[in-house]
């Protein structure tokens, strides 16, 4: 496996540390006034799904691991797992809902995602930046309400709860940012 400097890691990079395959969820370059630069990385273990924080010195080298990324479609929930289908081979793969965590609430049937495959096994899914979802429950909309900083709670088709402006009504489709969980706009039909 090729080695890279710790300063070259980016979000989505897969690395091997202490025999474990980890994917970088987020990173920050730290340059203190004295001493050498460092990289603070938030990592997810592909085996157990747990997140870790790790600090690397700028001179540290890490083993980069190549992960195959393929277009997949979310099909359905099967008890404790989510079922995905490879868009090319139509092969189905399972990944536990516990491993997906809160990301599971952004999955709607037939949604396209990027599957991350290591050694022939689906180890993670990367959601699109935004998803369009149906509001199944919210307070009635206010007539004449315009955009303000006041928001009301809404429950979406998957059970995800978000805050929406007062003019949004039940039955509407909205666009939600999967990174922050925030309402962005009404979905374009």
Protein backbone atom coordinates (compact mmCIF):
# COMPACT_ATOMS: atom_id res chain seq x y z
CA UNK A 1 0.00 0.00 0.00
CA UNK A 2 1.29 3.47 -0.81
CA UNK A 3 2.24 5.82 2.00
CA UNK A 4 1.20 9.46 2.08
CA UNK A 5 2.08 12.33 4.38
CA UNK A 6 -0.50 13.01 7.07
CA UNK A 7 -0.93 16.50 5.59
CA UNK A 8 -2.30 14.90 2.39
CA UNK A 9 -5.32 13.25 4.00
CA UNK A 10 -8.68 14.64 2.98
CA UNK A 11 -12.30 13.89 3.75
CA UNK A 12 -13.13 10.45 2.34
CA UNK A 13 -9.51 9.22 2.32
CA UNK A 14 -9.16 5.65 3.61
CA UNK A 15 -6.07 4.88 5.67
CA UNK A 16 -4.71 1.94 7.67
CA UNK A 17 -3.73 2.74 11.25
CA UNK A 18 -2.73 0.03 13.75
CA UNK A 19 -4.17 -2.68 11.48
CA UNK A 20 -7.59 -1.00 11.21
CA UNK A 21 -9.07 0.54 8.07
CA UNK A 22 -10.30 4.05 8.85
CA UNK A 23 -12.04 6.65 6.67
CA UNK A 24 -11.46 10.35 7.28
CA UNK A 25 -14.79 11.98 8.17
CA UNK A 26 -13.33 15.42 8.84
CA UNK A 27 -9.91 16.98 9.31
CA UNK A 28 -8.32 20.26 10.40
CA UNK A 29 -4.80 21.49 9.76
CA UNK A 30 -3.37 22.98 12.96
CA UNK A 31 -0.40 25.34 12.83
CA UNK A 32 0.59 26.37 16.33
CA UNK A 33 2.76 29.43 16.89
CA UNK A 34 5.60 27.22 18.07
CA UNK A 35 6.37 23.70 16.97
CA UNK A 36 5.40 21.83 13.85
CA UNK A 37 2.06 21.68 12.04
CA UNK A 38 -0.39 18.91 12.86
CA UNK A 39 -3.50 17.36 11.37
CA UNK A 40 -6.46 16.70 13.67
CA UNK A 41 -8.61 14.01 12.02
CA UNK A 42 -11.98 12.51 12.85
CA UNK A 43 -11.95 8.91 11.61
CA UNK A 44 -14.54 6.14 11.26
CA UNK A 45 -13.52 2.49 11.64
CA UNK A 46 -14.94 0.50 8.71
CA UNK A 47 -15.27 -2.67 10.80
CA UNK A 48 -17.28 -1.45 13.78
CA UNK A 49 -18.47 2.00 12.64
CA UNK A 50 -17.05 3.78 15.69
CA UNK A 51 -15.58 7.26 15.35
CA UNK A 52 -12.17 8.24 16.64
CA UNK A 53 -10.18 11.46 16.94
CA UNK A 54 -6.51 11.24 16.06
CA UNK A 55 -3.77 13.84 15.77
CA UNK A 56 -0.94 13.35 13.28
CA UNK A 57 2.29 15.33 13.07
CA UNK A 58 3.05 16.84 9.67
CA UNK A 59 6.03 14.48 9.28
CA UNK A 60 3.96 11.33 9.99
CA UNK A 61 3.27 8.98 7.10
CA UNK A 62 0.17 6.78 6.84
CA UNK A 63 -0.77 3.85 4.62
CA UNK A 64 -3.43 4.87 2.09
CA UNK A 65 -6.03 2.21 1.31
CA UNK A 66 -7.98 2.22 -1.93
CA UNK A 67 -11.71 1.86 -1.61
CA UNK A 68 -13.82 1.09 -4.67
CA UNK A 69 -16.70 3.57 -4.95
CA UNK A 70 -19.75 2.47 -6.93
CA UNK A 71 -23.21 3.84 -7.58
CA UNK A 72 -25.76 1.96 -5.52
CA UNK A 73 -29.48 2.22 -4.86
CA UNK A 74 -31.09 1.96 -1.44
CA UNK A 75 -33.85 -0.64 -1.67
CA UNK A 76 -35.41 -1.27 1.75
CA UNK A 77 -34.90 -1.94 5.44
CA UNK A 78 -34.51 -5.59 6.44
CA UNK A 79 -34.85 -5.73 10.22
CA UNK A 80 -31.50 -4.54 11.52
CA UNK A 81 -29.98 -3.84 8.08
CA UNK A 82 -30.36 -1.54 5.12
CA UNK A 83 -30.29 -3.25 1.71
CA UNK A 84 -28.46 -1.67 -1.24
CA UNK A 85 -28.19 -2.80 -4.87
CA UNK A 86 -25.14 -2.26 -7.08
CA UNK A 87 -26.29 -0.29 -10.16
CA UNK A 88 -24.04 -2.31 -12.51
CA UNK A 89 -24.17 -5.88 -11.22
CA UNK A 90 -27.59 -5.75 -9.45
CA UNK A 91 -25.92 -7.55 -6.54
CA UNK A 92 -27.50 -6.78 -3.17
CA UNK A 93 -25.45 -5.82 -0.10
CA UNK A 94 -26.44 -5.31 3.51
CA UNK A 95 -25.11 -2.80 6.02
CA UNK A 96 -26.35 -2.54 9.60
CA UNK A 97 -28.59 0.37 10.58
CA UNK A 98 -26.51 0.73 13.73
CA UNK A 99 -23.39 1.28 11.61
CA UNK A 100 -25.18 3.90 9.48
CA UNK A 101 -26.37 5.75 12.58
CA UNK A 102 -28.27 8.95 11.85
CA UNK A 103 -27.47 8.65 8.12
CA UNK A 104 -30.15 5.93 7.98
CA UNK A 105 -32.86 8.60 8.47
CA UNK A 106 -31.87 10.25 5.16
CA UNK A 107 -32.44 7.07 3.13
CA UNK A 108 -35.63 6.83 1.10
CA UNK A 109 -36.39 3.84 -1.18
CA UNK A 110 -34.77 4.04 -4.65
CA UNK A 111 -32.33 6.74 -3.52
CA UNK A 112 -28.96 6.73 -5.29
CA UNK A 113 -25.91 6.68 -2.99
CA UNK A 114 -22.20 5.99 -3.39
CA UNK A 115 -21.25 2.60 -1.99
CA UNK A 116 -17.74 2.21 -0.60
CA UNK A 117 -16.41 -1.31 -1.13
CA UNK A 118 -13.29 -2.80 0.45
CA UNK A 119 -12.16 -6.36 -0.34
CA UNK A 120 -15.47 -7.03 -2.13
CA UNK A 121 -17.60 -6.01 0.86
CA UNK A 122 -19.83 -2.93 1.22
CA UNK A 123 -18.32 -1.10 4.18
CA UNK A 124 -19.97 2.33 4.00
CA UNK A 125 -22.36 4.49 1.98
CA UNK A 126 -21.85 8.15 1.17
CA UNK A 127 -25.06 10.13 0.99
CA UNK A 128 -25.67 12.85 -1.59
CA UNK A 129 -25.20 16.40 -0.22
CA UNK A 130 -28.97 16.99 -0.29
CA UNK A 131 -32.10 14.85 -0.32
CA UNK A 132 -35.72 15.65 -1.16
CA UNK A 133 -38.23 14.28 1.34
CA UNK A 134 -41.95 14.42 2.04
CA UNK A 135 -43.25 16.10 5.20
CA UNK A 136 -45.62 13.69 6.94
CA UNK A 137 -46.35 15.79 10.00
CA UNK A 138 -46.12 19.48 10.93
CA UNK A 139 -48.29 22.26 12.31
CA UNK A 140 -50.59 23.96 9.79
CA UNK A 141 -48.94 26.65 7.66
CA UNK A 142 -49.57 30.29 8.41
CA UNK A 143 -51.23 32.36 5.68
CA UNK A 144 -49.13 35.30 4.62
CA UNK A 145 -46.09 33.98 6.51
CA UNK A 146 -42.81 34.98 4.95
CA UNK A 147 -39.28 33.86 5.60
CA UNK A 148 -38.32 34.67 9.18
CA UNK A 149 -35.96 33.22 11.71
CA UNK A 150 -38.92 31.52 13.47
CA UNK A 151 -39.20 27.85 12.57
CA UNK A 152 -41.49 24.97 13.46
CA UNK A 153 -40.76 21.23 13.80
CA UNK A 154 -41.59 18.84 10.97
CA UNK A 155 -41.37 15.05 10.69
CA UNK A 156 -40.31 13.62 7.34
CA UNK A 157 -41.25 10.32 5.67
CA UNK A 158 -38.30 8.46 7.23
CA UNK A 159 -38.91 9.76 10.76
CA UNK A 160 -36.23 12.46 10.48
CA UNK A 161 -37.15 15.63 12.38
CA UNK A 162 -36.16 19.03 11.00
CA UNK A 163 -37.07 22.67 11.56
CA UNK A 164 -38.93 24.37 8.70
CA UNK A 165 -40.27 27.90 8.07
CA UNK A 166 -43.89 28.56 9.13
CA UNK A 167 -45.23 28.67 5.53
CA UNK A 168 -44.28 25.02 4.83
CA UNK A 169 -47.20 22.60 5.08
CA UNK A 170 -47.74 18.89 5.58
CA UNK A 171 -47.56 16.95 2.30
CA UNK A 172 -44.93 19.22 0.74
CA UNK A 173 -41.54 17.96 -0.41
CA UNK A 174 -38.52 19.78 0.94
CA UNK A 175 -34.77 19.65 0.35
CA UNK A 176 -32.59 18.83 3.38
CA UNK A 177 -28.81 19.12 3.75
CA UNK A 178 -27.53 15.65 4.77
CA UNK A 179 -24.39 17.09 6.41
CA UNK A 180 -26.21 19.46 8.78
CA UNK A 181 -29.78 18.13 8.84
CA UNK A 182 -31.13 21.60 8.01
CA UNK A 183 -34.01 22.61 5.77
CA UNK A 184 -32.75 24.29 2.57
CA UNK A 185 -35.78 24.95 0.36
CA UNK A 186 -38.94 23.52 -1.15
CA UNK A 187 -38.08 20.66 -3.48
CA UNK A 188 -38.43 21.30 -7.19
CA UNK A 189 -40.99 18.95 -8.70
